[in-house]
């Protein structure tokens, strides 16, 4: 059984590879990987949910929009997320609905490992394989 995600070696930025049996699980696992770069998601309570609805021109763009929106919500609301839940992904229309689950940052209780400046299209990969879906994403830090 393969992991949900794994960090990848990258010279200046952060990168990860994520997997999922379907697109919803892939997008959730990519988000979880990004959250691990920012903090320890196990230390974050799921006391608040932020609804997310997105559209893009293609699936690669939808993945970047999803992760970028999660990062924006983290920065805008000073929140950390334990996980993200994808309710639906429409591959034909390139639409997604889901939510980020977490809480407000508390300096004495939470640790921020790094701040992500942007989710990039650089070396972005999103493909179907024999077990489902795989993605590679690079984050500008």
Protein backbone atom coordinates (compact mmCIF):
# COMPACT_ATOMS: atom_id res chain seq x y z
CA UNK A 1 0.00 0.00 0.00
CA UNK A 2 1.44 3.35 -0.98
CA UNK A 3 1.43 6.39 1.31
CA UNK A 4 -0.96 9.32 0.91
CA UNK A 5 1.98 11.60 0.07
CA UNK A 6 5.76 11.91 0.38
CA UNK A 7 8.06 14.93 0.38
CA UNK A 8 10.49 15.10 -2.53
CA UNK A 9 14.01 16.51 -2.62
CA UNK A 10 14.15 19.90 -4.31
CA UNK A 11 17.00 22.39 -4.44
CA UNK A 12 15.37 25.66 -3.32
CA UNK A 13 11.68 24.98 -2.79
CA UNK A 14 9.48 22.28 -1.27
CA UNK A 15 7.98 19.49 -3.35
CA UNK A 16 5.73 16.53 -2.79
CA UNK A 17 4.19 13.63 -4.55
CA UNK A 18 0.65 12.55 -3.63
CA UNK A 19 -1.56 9.63 -4.57
CA UNK A 20 -5.24 8.80 -4.50
CA UNK A 21 -7.54 6.09 -5.76
CA UNK A 22 -9.70 8.87 -7.22
CA UNK A 23 -9.35 12.61 -7.78
CA UNK A 24 -11.03 13.54 -4.50
CA UNK A 25 -8.59 11.43 -2.49
CA UNK A 26 -5.64 12.75 -4.53
CA UNK A 27 -6.60 16.38 -3.86
CA UNK A 28 -7.14 15.64 -0.15
CA UNK A 29 -3.75 13.91 0.10
CA UNK A 30 -1.95 16.73 -1.72
CA UNK A 31 -3.49 19.17 0.78
CA UNK A 32 -2.42 16.99 3.71
CA UNK A 33 1.13 16.96 2.35
CA UNK A 34 1.12 20.75 2.05
CA UNK A 35 -0.22 21.06 5.62
CA UNK A 36 2.68 18.91 6.87
CA UNK A 37 5.13 21.43 5.41
CA UNK A 38 3.39 24.23 7.34
CA UNK A 39 2.74 22.56 10.73
CA UNK A 40 2.01 19.28 12.48
CA UNK A 41 -1.60 18.58 11.46
CA UNK A 42 -1.98 16.13 14.38
CA UNK A 43 -1.71 19.13 16.75
CA UNK A 44 -4.56 20.97 15.01
CA UNK A 45 -8.16 20.52 16.13
CA UNK A 46 -10.91 20.36 13.53
CA UNK A 47 -13.07 22.96 15.27
CA UNK A 48 -13.78 25.13 12.21
CA UNK A 49 -14.62 24.40 8.60
CA UNK A 50 -14.14 26.75 5.65
CA UNK A 51 -16.17 25.94 2.54
CA UNK A 52 -14.37 26.03 -0.79
CA UNK A 53 -15.84 26.05 -4.30
CA UNK A 54 -13.50 26.33 -7.28
CA UNK A 55 -13.39 26.13 -11.07
CA UNK A 56 -10.42 26.01 -13.42
CA UNK A 57 -9.59 25.49 -17.08
CA UNK A 58 -8.09 22.03 -16.54
CA UNK A 59 -7.38 19.50 -13.78
CA UNK A 60 -3.82 20.71 -13.25
CA UNK A 61 -5.12 24.24 -12.77
CA UNK A 62 -7.80 22.95 -10.41
CA UNK A 63 -5.15 21.26 -8.23
CA UNK A 64 -3.10 24.47 -8.09
CA UNK A 65 -6.23 26.53 -7.33
CA UNK A 66 -7.24 24.09 -4.55
CA UNK A 67 -3.87 24.20 -2.81
CA UNK A 68 -3.53 27.95 -3.37
CA UNK A 69 -6.95 28.59 -1.84
CA UNK A 70 -6.08 26.48 1.21
CA UNK A 71 -2.84 28.42 1.62
CA UNK A 72 -4.69 31.73 1.17
CA UNK A 73 -7.25 30.79 3.85
CA UNK A 74 -4.42 29.79 6.19
CA UNK A 75 -2.74 33.18 5.76
CA UNK A 76 -5.86 35.35 5.55
CA UNK A 77 -7.55 33.95 8.67
CA UNK A 78 -4.41 33.01 10.66
CA UNK A 79 -5.62 29.41 10.78
CA UNK A 80 -3.97 26.01 10.58
CA UNK A 81 -5.65 22.98 9.05
CA UNK A 82 -5.61 19.35 10.11
CA UNK A 83 -7.06 18.17 6.82
CA UNK A 84 -9.08 19.14 3.79
CA UNK A 85 -12.13 17.26 2.66
CA UNK A 86 -13.20 17.12 -0.98
CA UNK A 87 -16.95 16.64 -1.34
CA UNK A 88 -16.90 16.43 -5.14
CA UNK A 89 -14.59 16.83 -8.11
CA UNK A 90 -16.11 17.17 -11.57
CA UNK A 91 -13.27 16.23 -13.94
CA UNK A 92 -15.25 17.25 -17.05
CA UNK A 93 -16.18 20.74 -15.82
CA UNK A 94 -13.02 21.11 -13.69
CA UNK A 95 -14.99 22.02 -10.58
CA UNK A 96 -14.37 21.17 -6.96
CA UNK A 97 -16.22 21.63 -3.71
CA UNK A 98 -14.83 20.86 -0.30
CA UNK A 99 -13.70 22.35 2.95
CA UNK A 100 -10.66 23.01 5.09
CA UNK A 101 -10.91 21.74 8.68
CA UNK A 102 -8.82 23.35 11.40
CA UNK A 103 -8.59 26.10 13.97
CA UNK A 104 -7.08 29.49 14.72
CA UNK A 105 -3.32 29.60 15.25
CA UNK A 106 -2.26 29.66 18.92
CA UNK A 107 1.39 30.63 19.46
CA UNK A 108 1.86 28.56 22.61
CA UNK A 109 0.30 25.42 21.16
CA UNK A 110 1.11 25.42 17.45
CA UNK A 111 4.40 25.46 15.61
CA UNK A 112 4.72 26.82 12.07
CA UNK A 113 7.53 25.08 10.21
CA UNK A 114 7.49 27.19 7.05
CA UNK A 115 5.35 29.66 5.14
CA UNK A 116 4.42 28.79 1.57
CA UNK A 117 4.54 31.78 -0.78
CA UNK A 118 2.90 30.07 -3.73
CA UNK A 119 1.82 26.80 -5.29
CA UNK A 120 3.58 26.62 -8.65
CA UNK A 121 2.96 25.12 -12.06
CA UNK A 122 6.70 24.40 -12.30
CA UNK A 123 7.19 20.66 -12.98
CA UNK A 124 3.55 20.08 -12.02
CA UNK A 125 2.37 16.57 -12.82
CA UNK A 126 -1.10 15.11 -12.58
CA UNK A 127 -1.70 11.72 -14.12
CA UNK A 128 -3.71 8.58 -13.85
CA UNK A 129 -1.82 5.36 -13.18
CA UNK A 130 -2.80 1.71 -12.65
CA UNK A 131 -3.72 2.35 -8.99
CA UNK A 132 -5.57 5.65 -9.43
CA UNK A 133 -4.04 9.13 -9.59
CA UNK A 134 -0.62 10.66 -8.87
CA UNK A 135 0.45 14.28 -8.59
CA UNK A 136 3.72 16.13 -8.12
CA UNK A 137 3.60 19.70 -6.82
CA UNK A 138 6.33 22.26 -6.06
CA UNK A 139 5.79 25.04 -3.52
CA UNK A 140 7.65 28.35 -3.53
CA UNK A 141 8.86 29.12 0.01
